[in-house]
Amino acid sequence: MGRYIGSFYCSSGRRRWTSGVVATPQSECATRRPDGGGQATLTAVEIEDLLFIREEEKLARDSYITLGGIWDLMVFENIALSEQRHMDAVKNLLVKYDLPDPVVDESDVGFFVNQDLQ
């Protein structure tokens, strides 16, 4: 049985995606102060996952922007706005942990630093 720690779900099982949150084995979970105070230290896996998630959310947003441009349906605009909120939430975590933002220009639809997403 795992437990939520910060933004990541840590479990003793294999790494998997859970409700849009990355699950990592207990040994890879971020280090937290027992009293809950202070800033956490992220593992290399968590940093890699945050950077990927930021661009993955942009990919989703860009897809709905593109679909909205083709079919001009409000549903695509609504979903694109939702994906933008996800992007903003991950960006806040990047700022919190002083990590570089892989999204160079949010307005550049279809451009990604991660070549797996390009």
Protein backbone atom coordinates (compact mmCIF):
# COMPACT_ATOMS: atom_id res chain seq x y z
CA MET A 1 0.00 0.00 0.00
CA GLY A 2 1.41 3.36 -1.00
CA ARG A 3 0.82 6.85 0.28
CA TYR A 4 0.58 10.29 -1.25
CA ILE A 5 3.68 12.40 -0.73
CA GLY A 6 3.62 15.87 -2.21
CA SER A 7 2.67 15.57 -5.85
CA PHE A 8 3.69 11.96 -6.29
CA TYR A 9 2.16 8.69 -5.20
CA CYS A 10 4.81 6.43 -3.72
CA SER A 11 4.24 2.72 -3.49
CA SER A 12 6.31 -0.37 -2.98
CA GLY A 13 5.21 -1.66 -6.39
CA ARG A 14 6.43 -1.02 -9.90
CA ARG A 15 6.38 2.44 -11.42
CA ARG A 16 3.10 3.28 -13.15
CA TRP A 17 0.80 6.19 -14.07
CA THR A 18 -2.06 6.74 -11.65
CA SER A 19 -4.72 9.39 -12.18
CA GLY A 20 -2.27 11.66 -13.96
CA VAL A 21 0.21 11.37 -11.11
CA VAL A 22 3.42 9.39 -11.37
CA ALA A 23 3.75 6.38 -9.10
CA THR A 24 7.28 5.40 -8.13
CA PRO A 25 8.70 2.63 -5.97
CA GLN A 26 9.12 3.58 -2.30
CA SER A 27 12.91 3.64 -2.65
CA GLU A 28 12.62 6.30 -5.35
CA CYS A 29 10.23 8.60 -3.45
CA ALA A 30 11.30 12.12 -2.63
CA THR A 31 12.85 12.77 0.75
CA ARG A 32 10.50 14.62 3.10
CA ARG A 33 10.98 16.05 6.56
CA PRO A 34 8.98 14.00 9.07
CA ASP A 35 7.26 17.10 10.45
CA GLY A 36 6.09 18.04 6.95
CA GLY A 37 8.00 21.31 7.02
CA GLY A 38 10.64 22.60 4.68
CA GLN A 39 11.16 21.91 1.02
CA ALA A 40 11.34 18.38 -0.30
CA THR A 41 14.26 16.97 -2.22
CA LEU A 42 13.20 15.35 -5.48
CA THR A 43 14.83 12.26 -6.87
CA ALA A 44 16.23 12.16 -10.39
CA VAL A 45 13.23 10.07 -11.45
CA GLU A 46 10.76 12.62 -10.07
CA ILE A 47 12.61 15.47 -11.80
CA GLU A 48 12.59 13.58 -15.11
CA ASP A 49 8.88 12.83 -14.68
CA LEU A 50 7.98 16.47 -13.93
CA LEU A 51 9.84 17.67 -17.02
CA PHE A 52 8.10 15.04 -19.15
CA ILE A 53 4.66 15.76 -17.68
CA ARG A 54 5.03 19.49 -18.40
CA GLU A 55 5.57 18.80 -22.11
CA GLU A 56 3.02 15.97 -22.20
CA GLU A 57 0.36 18.37 -20.94
CA LYS A 58 1.44 20.83 -23.65
CA LEU A 59 1.07 18.07 -26.24
CA ALA A 60 -2.49 17.44 -25.05
CA ARG A 61 -3.29 21.17 -25.06
CA ASP A 62 -1.75 21.69 -28.49
CA SER A 63 -3.74 18.75 -29.87
CA TYR A 64 -7.03 20.27 -28.72
CA ILE A 65 -6.03 23.71 -30.01
CA THR A 66 -5.37 22.14 -33.40
CA LEU A 67 -8.62 20.16 -33.39
CA GLY A 68 -10.52 23.29 -32.38
CA GLY A 69 -9.00 25.13 -35.31
CA ILE A 70 -10.22 22.42 -37.67
CA TRP A 71 -13.75 21.85 -36.33
CA ASP A 72 -14.45 25.06 -34.39
CA LEU A 73 -16.30 23.27 -31.58
CA MET A 74 -16.46 24.71 -28.06
CA VAL A 75 -15.62 21.31 -26.54
CA PHE A 76 -12.08 21.51 -27.96
CA GLU A 77 -11.59 25.00 -26.54
CA ASN A 78 -12.81 23.83 -23.11
CA ILE A 79 -10.47 20.84 -23.08
CA ALA A 80 -7.54 22.98 -24.27
CA LEU A 81 -8.19 25.35 -21.34
CA SER A 82 -8.25 22.40 -18.96
CA GLU A 83 -4.94 21.14 -20.33
CA GLN A 84 -3.53 24.66 -19.91
CA ARG A 85 -4.46 24.52 -16.22
CA HIS A 86 -2.57 21.21 -15.98
CA MET A 87 0.44 22.84 -17.66
CA ASP A 88 0.27 25.74 -15.20
CA ALA A 89 0.11 23.39 -12.21
CA VAL A 90 3.21 21.51 -13.34
CA LYS A 91 4.99 24.80 -14.09
CA ASN A 92 4.29 25.86 -10.49
CA LEU A 93 6.07 22.70 -9.33
CA LEU A 94 9.03 23.43 -11.61
CA VAL A 95 9.28 26.90 -10.08
CA LYS A 96 8.89 25.51 -6.55
CA TYR A 97 11.76 23.05 -7.05
CA ASP A 98 13.83 25.48 -9.13
CA LEU A 99 13.82 23.23 -12.20
CA PRO A 100 14.25 24.37 -15.81
CA ASP A 101 11.06 24.60 -17.85
CA PRO A 102 11.29 22.45 -21.00
CA VAL A 103 8.48 24.49 -22.59
CA VAL A 104 10.43 27.22 -24.34
CA ASP A 105 7.43 29.07 -25.79
CA GLU A 106 3.88 28.13 -24.75
CA SER A 107 2.47 29.77 -27.86
CA ASP A 108 4.57 27.60 -30.22
CA VAL A 109 1.96 24.90 -30.90
CA GLY A 110 3.54 21.58 -31.83
CA PHE A 111 7.11 22.34 -30.69
CA PHE A 112 8.66 20.15 -27.99
CA VAL A 113 12.15 19.81 -26.56
CA ASN A 114 11.56 16.12 -25.86
CA GLN A 115 12.04 14.46 -29.26
CA ASP A 116 9.80 11.54 -28.23
CA LEU A 117 6.91 14.04 -28.23
CA GLN A 118 7.99 15.99 -31.30
